[in-house]
């Protein structure tokens, strides 16, 4: 299976919305609350979006909001879970984010879910909660750098 990662464009929104509504966790109780116009705003003005395609079909996407320093979306079609797609979308999104700012980034996700475990494994720290019951996670530039530093000086010193 060939996975293609790229920036999301306005023409991708319909397929992104399909993926958003396929997920089993963090489902919207009212899918109409996140409109195509909302997605367009987030990927073109407020921040940036990435997606993964398999055979021309969008199977996952991520969006980050630079205006409020938060992850707005990271979703993978359940049929393509556990294939590294979410991890790569996360890597692309956060790497880009930290080229734009060194400010902390936050996100919210339901507690005790695969998503909350995923974010912890990526170096995020739970720092509280939101009124809707979601856990608030935060990632600092320094924590991200430590987690993603492939080579360090001590690896080469005898």
C-alpha atoms as a PDB file:
ATOM      1  CA  UNK A   1       0.000   0.000   0.000  1.00  0.00           C
ATOM      2  CA  UNK A   2       1.424   3.339  -1.086  1.00  0.00           C
ATOM      3  CA  UNK A   3       0.627   6.224   1.256  1.00  0.00           C
ATOM      4  CA  UNK A   4       0.917   9.746  -0.121  1.00  0.00           C
ATOM      5  CA  UNK A   5       1.155  12.652   2.330  1.00  0.00           C
ATOM      6  CA  UNK A   6       0.600  16.221   1.187  1.00  0.00           C
ATOM      7  CA  UNK A   7      -0.907  19.569   2.126  1.00  0.00           C
ATOM      8  CA  UNK A   8      -4.698  19.624   2.174  1.00  0.00           C
ATOM      9  CA  UNK A   9      -6.432  21.842  -0.374  1.00  0.00           C
ATOM     10  CA  UNK A  10      -9.936  23.212  -0.628  1.00  0.00           C
ATOM     11  CA  UNK A  11     -10.819  20.507  -3.152  1.00  0.00           C
ATOM     12  CA  UNK A  12     -10.059  17.847  -0.498  1.00  0.00           C
ATOM     13  CA  UNK A  13     -12.638  19.034   2.024  1.00  0.00           C
ATOM     14  CA  UNK A  14     -15.459  16.685   1.000  1.00  0.00           C
ATOM     15  CA  UNK A  15     -13.238  13.624   1.435  1.00  0.00           C
ATOM     16  CA  UNK A  16     -11.827  14.995   4.705  1.00  0.00           C
ATOM     17  CA  UNK A  17     -15.363  15.380   6.057  1.00  0.00           C
ATOM     18  CA  UNK A  18     -16.090  11.749   5.167  1.00  0.00           C
ATOM     19  CA  UNK A  19     -13.064  10.618   7.197  1.00  0.00           C
ATOM     20  CA  UNK A  20     -14.080  12.924  10.073  1.00  0.00           C
ATOM     21  CA  UNK A  21     -17.455  11.206  10.238  1.00  0.00           C
ATOM     22  CA  UNK A  22     -16.079   7.653  10.014  1.00  0.00           C
ATOM     23  CA  UNK A  23     -14.139   7.814  13.274  1.00  0.00           C
ATOM     24  CA  UNK A  24     -15.306   5.824  16.294  1.00  0.00           C
ATOM     25  CA  UNK A  25     -13.761   8.063  18.996  1.00  0.00           C
ATOM     26  CA  UNK A  26     -14.228  11.804  19.473  1.00  0.00           C
ATOM     27  CA  UNK A  27     -17.269  11.747  17.210  1.00  0.00           C
ATOM     28  CA  UNK A  28     -19.266  14.890  16.762  1.00  0.00           C
ATOM     29  CA  UNK A  29     -22.736  14.539  18.233  1.00  0.00           C
ATOM     30  CA  UNK A  30     -23.905  16.881  15.456  1.00  0.00           C
ATOM     31  CA  UNK A  31     -21.656  16.531  12.376  1.00  0.00           C
ATOM     32  CA  UNK A  32     -23.250  19.618  10.827  1.00  0.00           C
ATOM     33  CA  UNK A  33     -21.461  21.686  13.497  1.00  0.00           C
ATOM     34  CA  UNK A  34     -18.202  21.430  11.499  1.00  0.00           C
ATOM     35  CA  UNK A  35     -19.030  22.853   8.094  1.00  0.00           C
ATOM     36  CA  UNK A  36     -17.018  22.741   4.885  1.00  0.00           C
ATOM     37  CA  UNK A  37     -16.564  26.485   5.331  1.00  0.00           C
ATOM     38  CA  UNK A  38     -15.017  25.890   8.779  1.00  0.00           C
ATOM     39  CA  UNK A  39     -12.518  23.419   7.331  1.00  0.00           C
ATOM     40  CA  UNK A  40     -11.686  25.838   4.504  1.00  0.00           C
ATOM     41  CA  UNK A  41     -11.024  28.621   7.010  1.00  0.00           C
ATOM     42  CA  UNK A  42      -8.703  26.440   9.101  1.00  0.00           C
ATOM     43  CA  UNK A  43      -6.630  25.081   6.213  1.00  0.00           C
ATOM     44  CA  UNK A  44      -6.328  28.347   4.285  1.00  0.00           C
ATOM     45  CA  UNK A  45      -6.390  31.221   6.775  1.00  0.00           C
ATOM     46  CA  UNK A  46      -6.052  30.120  10.396  1.00  0.00           C
ATOM     47  CA  UNK A  47      -3.411  27.443   9.885  1.00  0.00           C
ATOM     48  CA  UNK A  48      -2.598  24.498   7.658  1.00  0.00           C
ATOM     49  CA  UNK A  49      -3.798  20.998   6.911  1.00  0.00           C
ATOM     50  CA  UNK A  50      -2.195  17.750   5.749  1.00  0.00           C
ATOM     51  CA  UNK A  51      -3.688  14.555   4.473  1.00  0.00           C
ATOM     52  CA  UNK A  52      -2.827  11.016   3.569  1.00  0.00           C
ATOM     53  CA  UNK A  53      -4.134   9.409   0.401  1.00  0.00           C
ATOM     54  CA  UNK A  54      -4.175   5.750  -0.550  1.00  0.00           C
ATOM     55  CA  UNK A  55      -5.065   5.112  -4.198  1.00  0.00           C
ATOM     56  CA  UNK A  56      -6.459   8.635  -4.483  1.00  0.00           C
ATOM     57  CA  UNK A  57      -8.722   8.280  -1.438  1.00  0.00           C
ATOM     58  CA  UNK A  58      -8.221  10.481   1.636  1.00  0.00           C
ATOM     59  CA  UNK A  59      -7.700   8.146   4.596  1.00  0.00           C
ATOM     60  CA  UNK A  60      -6.520  10.630   7.226  1.00  0.00           C
ATOM     61  CA  UNK A  61      -5.929  14.314   7.836  1.00  0.00           C
ATOM     62  CA  UNK A  62      -4.629  16.797  10.370  1.00  0.00           C
ATOM     63  CA  UNK A  63      -5.170  20.533  10.812  1.00  0.00           C
ATOM     64  CA  UNK A  64      -3.402  22.987  13.112  1.00  0.00           C
ATOM     65  CA  UNK A  65      -4.628  26.460  14.068  1.00  0.00           C
ATOM     66  CA  UNK A  66      -1.868  29.074  14.372  1.00  0.00           C
ATOM     67  CA  UNK A  67      -4.225  31.764  15.637  1.00  0.00           C
ATOM     68  CA  UNK A  68      -4.918  29.995  18.943  1.00  0.00           C
ATOM     69  CA  UNK A  69      -1.974  27.554  18.880  1.00  0.00           C
ATOM     70  CA  UNK A  70      -4.029  24.383  18.870  1.00  0.00           C
ATOM     71  CA  UNK A  71      -4.520  21.170  16.961  1.00  0.00           C
ATOM     72  CA  UNK A  72      -7.923  21.480  15.347  1.00  0.00           C
ATOM     73  CA  UNK A  73      -8.124  17.976  13.884  1.00  0.00           C
ATOM     74  CA  UNK A  74      -6.266  14.686  13.512  1.00  0.00           C
ATOM     75  CA  UNK A  75      -8.383  11.842  12.178  1.00  0.00           C
ATOM     76  CA  UNK A  76      -7.687   8.555  10.436  1.00  0.00           C
ATOM     77  CA  UNK A  77     -10.235   6.300   8.754  1.00  0.00           C
ATOM     78  CA  UNK A  78     -10.605   3.320  11.165  1.00  0.00           C
ATOM     79  CA  UNK A  79      -9.960   0.941   8.241  1.00  0.00           C
ATOM     80  CA  UNK A  80      -6.449   2.449   8.036  1.00  0.00           C
ATOM     81  CA  UNK A  81      -5.683   2.647  11.761  1.00  0.00           C
ATOM     82  CA  UNK A  82      -2.419   1.307  13.184  1.00  0.00           C
ATOM     83  CA  UNK A  83      -0.542   1.874   9.904  1.00  0.00           C
ATOM     84  CA  UNK A  84       1.531   4.886  10.971  1.00  0.00           C
ATOM     85  CA  UNK A  85      -0.711   7.376   9.194  1.00  0.00           C
ATOM     86  CA  UNK A  86      -1.701   9.313  12.313  1.00  0.00           C
ATOM     87  CA  UNK A  87       1.887   9.433  13.524  1.00  0.00           C
ATOM     88  CA  UNK A  88       3.135  10.834  10.211  1.00  0.00           C
ATOM     89  CA  UNK A  89       0.297  13.381   9.970  1.00  0.00           C
ATOM     90  CA  UNK A  90       1.153  14.447  13.512  1.00  0.00           C
ATOM     91  CA  UNK A  91       4.866  14.723  12.682  1.00  0.00           C
ATOM     92  CA  UNK A  92       4.227  16.839   9.583  1.00  0.00           C
ATOM     93  CA  UNK A  93       1.791  19.125  11.390  1.00  0.00           C
ATOM     94  CA  UNK A  94       3.886  19.700  14.508  1.00  0.00           C
ATOM     95  CA  UNK A  95       7.139  20.114  12.585  1.00  0.00           C
ATOM     96  CA  UNK A  96       5.491  22.801  10.457  1.00  0.00           C
ATOM     97  CA  UNK A  97       3.942  24.438  13.522  1.00  0.00           C
ATOM     98  CA  UNK A  98       7.297  24.787  15.284  1.00  0.00           C
ATOM     99  CA  UNK A  99       8.833  26.388  12.170  1.00  0.00           C
ATOM    100  CA  UNK A 100       6.216  29.139  12.573  1.00  0.00           C
ATOM    101  CA  UNK A 101       6.290  29.633  16.353  1.00  0.00           C
ATOM    102  CA  UNK A 102       7.982  28.252  19.431  1.00  0.00           C
ATOM    103  CA  UNK A 103       4.849  28.793  21.516  1.00  0.00           C
ATOM    104  CA  UNK A 104       3.190  25.849  23.244  1.00  0.00           C
ATOM    105  CA  UNK A 105       0.465  24.074  21.321  1.00  0.00           C
ATOM    106  CA  UNK A 106      -2.664  22.563  22.901  1.00  0.00           C
ATOM    107  CA  UNK A 107      -5.415  20.141  21.999  1.00  0.00           C
ATOM    108  CA  UNK A 108      -8.393  18.466  23.591  1.00  0.00           C
ATOM    109  CA  UNK A 109      -9.468  14.860  23.321  1.00  0.00           C
ATOM    110  CA  UNK A 110     -11.731  12.477  25.183  1.00  0.00           C
ATOM    111  CA  UNK A 111     -10.114  10.851  28.227  1.00  0.00           C
ATOM    112  CA  UNK A 112      -9.029   7.196  28.284  1.00  0.00           C
ATOM    113  CA  UNK A 113      -9.146   6.776  24.506  1.00  0.00           C
ATOM    114  CA  UNK A 114      -6.670   5.570  21.922  1.00  0.00           C
ATOM    115  CA  UNK A 115      -6.267   9.226  20.932  1.00  0.00           C
ATOM    116  CA  UNK A 116      -5.261  10.303  24.441  1.00  0.00           C
ATOM    117  CA  UNK A 117      -2.729   7.461  24.632  1.00  0.00           C
ATOM    118  CA  UNK A 118      -1.427   8.385  21.158  1.00  0.00           C
ATOM    119  CA  UNK A 119      -0.774  11.991  22.170  1.00  0.00           C
ATOM    120  CA  UNK A 120       1.023  10.933  25.339  1.00  0.00           C
ATOM    121  CA  UNK A 121       3.288   8.691  23.258  1.00  0.00           C
ATOM    122  CA  UNK A 122       4.053  11.665  21.002  1.00  0.00           C
ATOM    123  CA  UNK A 123       5.298  13.675  24.001  1.00  0.00           C
ATOM    124  CA  UNK A 124       2.169  15.637  24.953  1.00  0.00           C
ATOM    125  CA  UNK A 125       1.419  16.318  28.629  1.00  0.00           C
ATOM    126  CA  UNK A 126      -2.057  16.370  30.172  1.00  0.00           C
ATOM    127  CA  UNK A 127      -2.432  19.783  31.811  1.00  0.00           C
ATOM    128  CA  UNK A 128      -6.083  19.843  32.818  1.00  0.00           C
ATOM    129  CA  UNK A 129      -9.472  19.605  31.243  1.00  0.00           C
ATOM    130  CA  UNK A 130     -12.088  21.451  29.255  1.00  0.00           C
ATOM    131  CA  UNK A 131     -15.708  22.091  30.331  1.00  0.00           C
ATOM    132  CA  UNK A 132     -16.905  19.503  27.784  1.00  0.00           C
ATOM    133  CA  UNK A 133     -14.990  16.768  29.645  1.00  0.00           C
ATOM    134  CA  UNK A 134     -12.062  16.518  27.235  1.00  0.00           C
ATOM    135  CA  UNK A 135      -8.503  16.294  28.524  1.00  0.00           C
ATOM    136  CA  UNK A 136      -6.366  19.313  27.677  1.00  0.00           C
ATOM    137  CA  UNK A 137      -2.930  18.331  26.372  1.00  0.00           C
ATOM    138  CA  UNK A 138       0.004  20.639  25.799  1.00  0.00           C
ATOM    139  CA  UNK A 139       3.261  20.286  23.875  1.00  0.00           C
ATOM    140  CA  UNK A 140       6.172  22.672  24.237  1.00  0.00           C
ATOM    141  CA  UNK A 141       8.842  23.257  21.643  1.00  0.00           C
ATOM    142  CA  UNK A 142      11.519  21.910  24.007  1.00  0.00           C
ATOM    143  CA  UNK A 143       9.564  18.731  24.785  1.00  0.00           C
ATOM    144  CA  UNK A 144       8.919  18.195  21.083  1.00  0.00           C
ATOM    145  CA  UNK A 145      12.598  18.713  20.273  1.00  0.00           C
ATOM    146  CA  UNK A 146      13.710  16.265  22.969  1.00  0.00           C
ATOM    147  CA  UNK A 147      11.232  13.648  21.779  1.00  0.00           C
ATOM    148  CA  UNK A 148      12.149  14.061  18.115  1.00  0.00           C
ATOM    149  CA  UNK A 149      15.873  14.549  18.286  1.00  0.00           C
ATOM    150  CA  UNK A 150      17.168  11.643  16.233  1.00  0.00           C
ATOM    151  CA  UNK A 151      20.826  12.278  16.877  1.00  0.00           C
ATOM    152  CA  UNK A 152      22.357  13.841  19.913  1.00  0.00           C
ATOM    153  CA  UNK A 153      25.924  14.722  20.706  1.00  0.00           C
ATOM    154  CA  UNK A 154      26.213  12.021  23.374  1.00  0.00           C
ATOM    155  CA  UNK A 155      25.468   9.354  20.761  1.00  0.00           C
ATOM    156  CA  UNK A 156      28.767  10.187  19.089  1.00  0.00           C
ATOM    157  CA  UNK A 157      31.060  10.788  22.031  1.00  0.00           C
ATOM    158  CA  UNK A 158      33.237   7.921  23.258  1.00  0.00           C
END
